[in-house]
Amino acid sequence: MTESNTEGLKGKWRIVKMPGFALDCAAPAYSALDGRGGGAIVFNAFTAALDCTIATDAADSDWQGSDEGDEVRGDGFVELQPDGSFQGEFAYDNGDDSTFKARPE
């Protein structure tokens, strides 16, 4: 994907709510965006690298990673909220999806 704003949405957010997924309290779940089109999302036994189209207050992404050792991929988006948190959607290709909420770390 092509980035649209090199200073766009940038930082690390702790995922605090993700319906459909039980978040492991022992291992923090987070999403991080580097502001240049890259990033990561981590929760439970899932890790993925993000390839994003970014703007000042939103990002669309394709992702690729592993879930309990299985290769997985999908897409998602996030939108920055007035309180500094963000809300978004996370979806596996041909599989589960969920909305989520994250707060800045």
C-alpha atoms as a PDB file:
ATOM      1  CA  MET A   1       0.000   0.000   0.000  1.00  0.00           C
ATOM      2  CA  THR A   2       1.138   3.569  -0.531  1.00  0.00           C
ATOM      3  CA  GLU A   3       1.454   5.992   2.345  1.00  0.00           C
ATOM      4  CA  SER A   4      -0.421   9.273   2.045  1.00  0.00           C
ATOM      5  CA  ASN A   5       1.138  11.281   4.886  1.00  0.00           C
ATOM      6  CA  THR A   6       4.591  10.641   6.360  1.00  0.00           C
ATOM      7  CA  GLU A   7       3.676  12.224   9.709  1.00  0.00           C
ATOM      8  CA  GLY A   8       0.233  10.609   9.979  1.00  0.00           C
ATOM      9  CA  LEU A   9      -1.005   8.356  12.740  1.00  0.00           C
ATOM     10  CA  LYS A  10       2.102   7.346  14.692  1.00  0.00           C
ATOM     11  CA  GLY A  11       2.643   5.666  18.056  1.00  0.00           C
ATOM     12  CA  LYS A  12       1.783   2.642  20.170  1.00  0.00           C
ATOM     13  CA  TRP A  13      -1.684   1.864  21.525  1.00  0.00           C
ATOM     14  CA  ARG A  14      -2.690  -0.842  24.011  1.00  0.00           C
ATOM     15  CA  ILE A  15      -5.705  -2.832  22.821  1.00  0.00           C
ATOM     16  CA  VAL A  16      -8.268  -2.653  25.629  1.00  0.00           C
ATOM     17  CA  LYS A  17     -11.347  -4.140  23.965  1.00  0.00           C
ATOM     18  CA  MET A  18     -11.686  -6.698  21.170  1.00  0.00           C
ATOM     19  CA  PRO A  19     -15.069  -8.485  21.053  1.00  0.00           C
ATOM     20  CA  GLY A  20     -14.762 -12.100  19.955  1.00  0.00           C
ATOM     21  CA  PHE A  21     -11.217 -12.464  21.285  1.00  0.00           C
ATOM     22  CA  ALA A  22     -10.225 -13.109  24.915  1.00  0.00           C
ATOM     23  CA  LEU A  23      -7.189 -10.902  25.505  1.00  0.00           C
ATOM     24  CA  ASP A  24      -4.427 -12.461  27.633  1.00  0.00           C
ATOM     25  CA  CYS A  25      -3.881 -10.109  30.577  1.00  0.00           C
ATOM     26  CA  ALA A  26      -0.334 -11.438  31.142  1.00  0.00           C
ATOM     27  CA  ALA A  27       0.853 -10.315  27.690  1.00  0.00           C
ATOM     28  CA  PRO A  28      -0.234  -6.804  26.653  1.00  0.00           C
ATOM     29  CA  ALA A  29      -2.059  -6.538  23.346  1.00  0.00           C
ATOM     30  CA  TYR A  30      -1.045  -3.558  21.239  1.00  0.00           C
ATOM     31  CA  SER A  31      -0.938  -1.953  17.839  1.00  0.00           C
ATOM     32  CA  ALA A  32       1.949   0.254  16.767  1.00  0.00           C
ATOM     33  CA  LEU A  33       2.224   2.504  13.715  1.00  0.00           C
ATOM     34  CA  ASP A  34       5.496   4.096  12.614  1.00  0.00           C
ATOM     35  CA  GLY A  35       3.917   7.005  10.680  1.00  0.00           C
ATOM     36  CA  ARG A  36       5.650   5.859   7.474  1.00  0.00           C
ATOM     37  CA  GLY A  37       3.335   3.032   6.402  1.00  0.00           C
ATOM     38  CA  GLY A  38       4.604   0.253   8.672  1.00  0.00           C
ATOM     39  CA  GLY A  39       3.538  -1.138  11.975  1.00  0.00           C
ATOM     40  CA  ALA A  40       2.609  -4.189  14.033  1.00  0.00           C
ATOM     41  CA  ILE A  41      -0.299  -5.706  15.908  1.00  0.00           C
ATOM     42  CA  VAL A  42       0.168  -8.197  18.754  1.00  0.00           C
ATOM     43  CA  PHE A  43      -2.340 -10.029  20.931  1.00  0.00           C
ATOM     44  CA  ASN A  44      -2.234 -13.443  22.617  1.00  0.00           C
ATOM     45  CA  ALA A  45      -0.326 -15.847  20.288  1.00  0.00           C
ATOM     46  CA  PHE A  46      -0.865 -13.543  17.285  1.00  0.00           C
ATOM     47  CA  THR A  47       1.749 -11.224  15.759  1.00  0.00           C
ATOM     48  CA  ALA A  48       1.589  -9.439  12.418  1.00  0.00           C
ATOM     49  CA  ALA A  49       3.383  -6.768  10.431  1.00  0.00           C
ATOM     50  CA  LEU A  50       1.201  -4.002   8.990  1.00  0.00           C
ATOM     51  CA  ASP A  51       1.489  -2.381   5.561  1.00  0.00           C
ATOM     52  CA  CYS A  52      -0.575   0.803   5.879  1.00  0.00           C
ATOM     53  CA  THR A  53      -2.032   3.655   3.936  1.00  0.00           C
ATOM     54  CA  ILE A  54      -1.933   6.393   6.549  1.00  0.00           C
ATOM     55  CA  ALA A  55      -3.462   9.811   7.056  1.00  0.00           C
ATOM     56  CA  THR A  56      -3.477  12.265   9.939  1.00  0.00           C
ATOM     57  CA  ASP A  57      -6.313  10.536  11.791  1.00  0.00           C
ATOM     58  CA  ALA A  58      -6.833   7.135  10.122  1.00  0.00           C
ATOM     59  CA  ALA A  59      -5.021   4.175   8.588  1.00  0.00           C
ATOM     60  CA  ASP A  60      -6.036   1.259   6.370  1.00  0.00           C
ATOM     61  CA  SER A  61      -3.803  -1.793   6.462  1.00  0.00           C
ATOM     62  CA  ASP A  62      -3.057  -5.172   5.017  1.00  0.00           C
ATOM     63  CA  TRP A  63      -1.286  -7.459   7.455  1.00  0.00           C
ATOM     64  CA  GLN A  64       0.647 -10.715   7.428  1.00  0.00           C
ATOM     65  CA  GLY A  65       1.837 -12.725  10.409  1.00  0.00           C
ATOM     66  CA  SER A  66       1.350 -15.807  12.516  1.00  0.00           C
ATOM     67  CA  ASP A  67      -1.324 -17.042  14.887  1.00  0.00           C
ATOM     68  CA  GLU A  68      -0.242 -19.959  17.102  1.00  0.00           C
ATOM     69  CA  GLY A  69       2.420 -20.793  14.493  1.00  0.00           C
ATOM     70  CA  ASP A  70       0.066 -20.735  11.487  1.00  0.00           C
ATOM     71  CA  GLU A  71       0.684 -18.188   8.728  1.00  0.00           C
ATOM     72  CA  VAL A  72      -2.237 -15.745   8.520  1.00  0.00           C
ATOM     73  CA  ARG A  73      -3.120 -12.560   6.658  1.00  0.00           C
ATOM     74  CA  GLY A  74      -5.908 -10.045   6.464  1.00  0.00           C
ATOM     75  CA  ASP A  75      -6.778  -6.365   6.556  1.00  0.00           C
ATOM     76  CA  GLY A  76      -8.131  -3.681   8.844  1.00  0.00           C
ATOM     77  CA  PHE A  77      -8.443  -0.011   9.608  1.00  0.00           C
ATOM     78  CA  VAL A  78      -8.208   2.375  12.547  1.00  0.00           C
ATOM     79  CA  GLU A  79      -9.601   5.858  13.203  1.00  0.00           C
ATOM     80  CA  LEU A  80      -8.205   8.226  15.812  1.00  0.00           C
ATOM     81  CA  GLN A  81     -10.817   9.390  18.338  1.00  0.00           C
ATOM     82  CA  PRO A  82     -10.987  12.871  19.961  1.00  0.00           C
ATOM     83  CA  ASP A  83      -9.711  11.418  23.287  1.00  0.00           C
ATOM     84  CA  GLY A  84      -6.512  10.074  21.639  1.00  0.00           C
ATOM     85  CA  SER A  85      -7.692   6.461  21.553  1.00  0.00           C
ATOM     86  CA  PHE A  86      -8.462   4.703  18.337  1.00  0.00           C
ATOM     87  CA  GLN A  87     -11.158   2.375  17.144  1.00  0.00           C
ATOM     88  CA  GLY A  88     -10.917   0.022  14.262  1.00  0.00           C
ATOM     89  CA  GLU A  89     -11.650  -3.298  12.655  1.00  0.00           C
ATOM     90  CA  PHE A  90      -9.411  -6.312  12.260  1.00  0.00           C
ATOM     91  CA  ALA A  91     -10.220  -9.179   9.841  1.00  0.00           C
ATOM     92  CA  TYR A  92      -8.555 -12.422   8.815  1.00  0.00           C
ATOM     93  CA  ASP A  93      -8.799 -13.279   5.101  1.00  0.00           C
ATOM     94  CA  ASN A  94     -11.731 -15.705   4.847  1.00  0.00           C
ATOM     95  CA  GLY A  95     -12.151 -15.869   8.611  1.00  0.00           C
ATOM     96  CA  ASP A  96     -12.867 -14.115  11.879  1.00  0.00           C
ATOM     97  CA  ASP A  97     -13.151 -10.382  12.295  1.00  0.00           C
ATOM     98  CA  SER A  98     -13.581  -8.017  15.194  1.00  0.00           C
ATOM     99  CA  THR A  99     -13.775  -4.389  16.098  1.00  0.00           C
ATOM    100  CA  PHE A 100     -11.314  -3.134  18.686  1.00  0.00           C
ATOM    101  CA  LYS A 101     -10.508  -0.146  20.838  1.00  0.00           C
ATOM    102  CA  ALA A 102      -7.002   0.901  21.860  1.00  0.00           C
ATOM    103  CA  ARG A 103      -5.569   3.587  24.132  1.00  0.00           C
ATOM    104  CA  PRO A 104      -2.185   5.296  23.765  1.00  0.00           C
ATOM    105  CA  GLU A 105       0.645   3.838  25.853  1.00  0.00           C
END
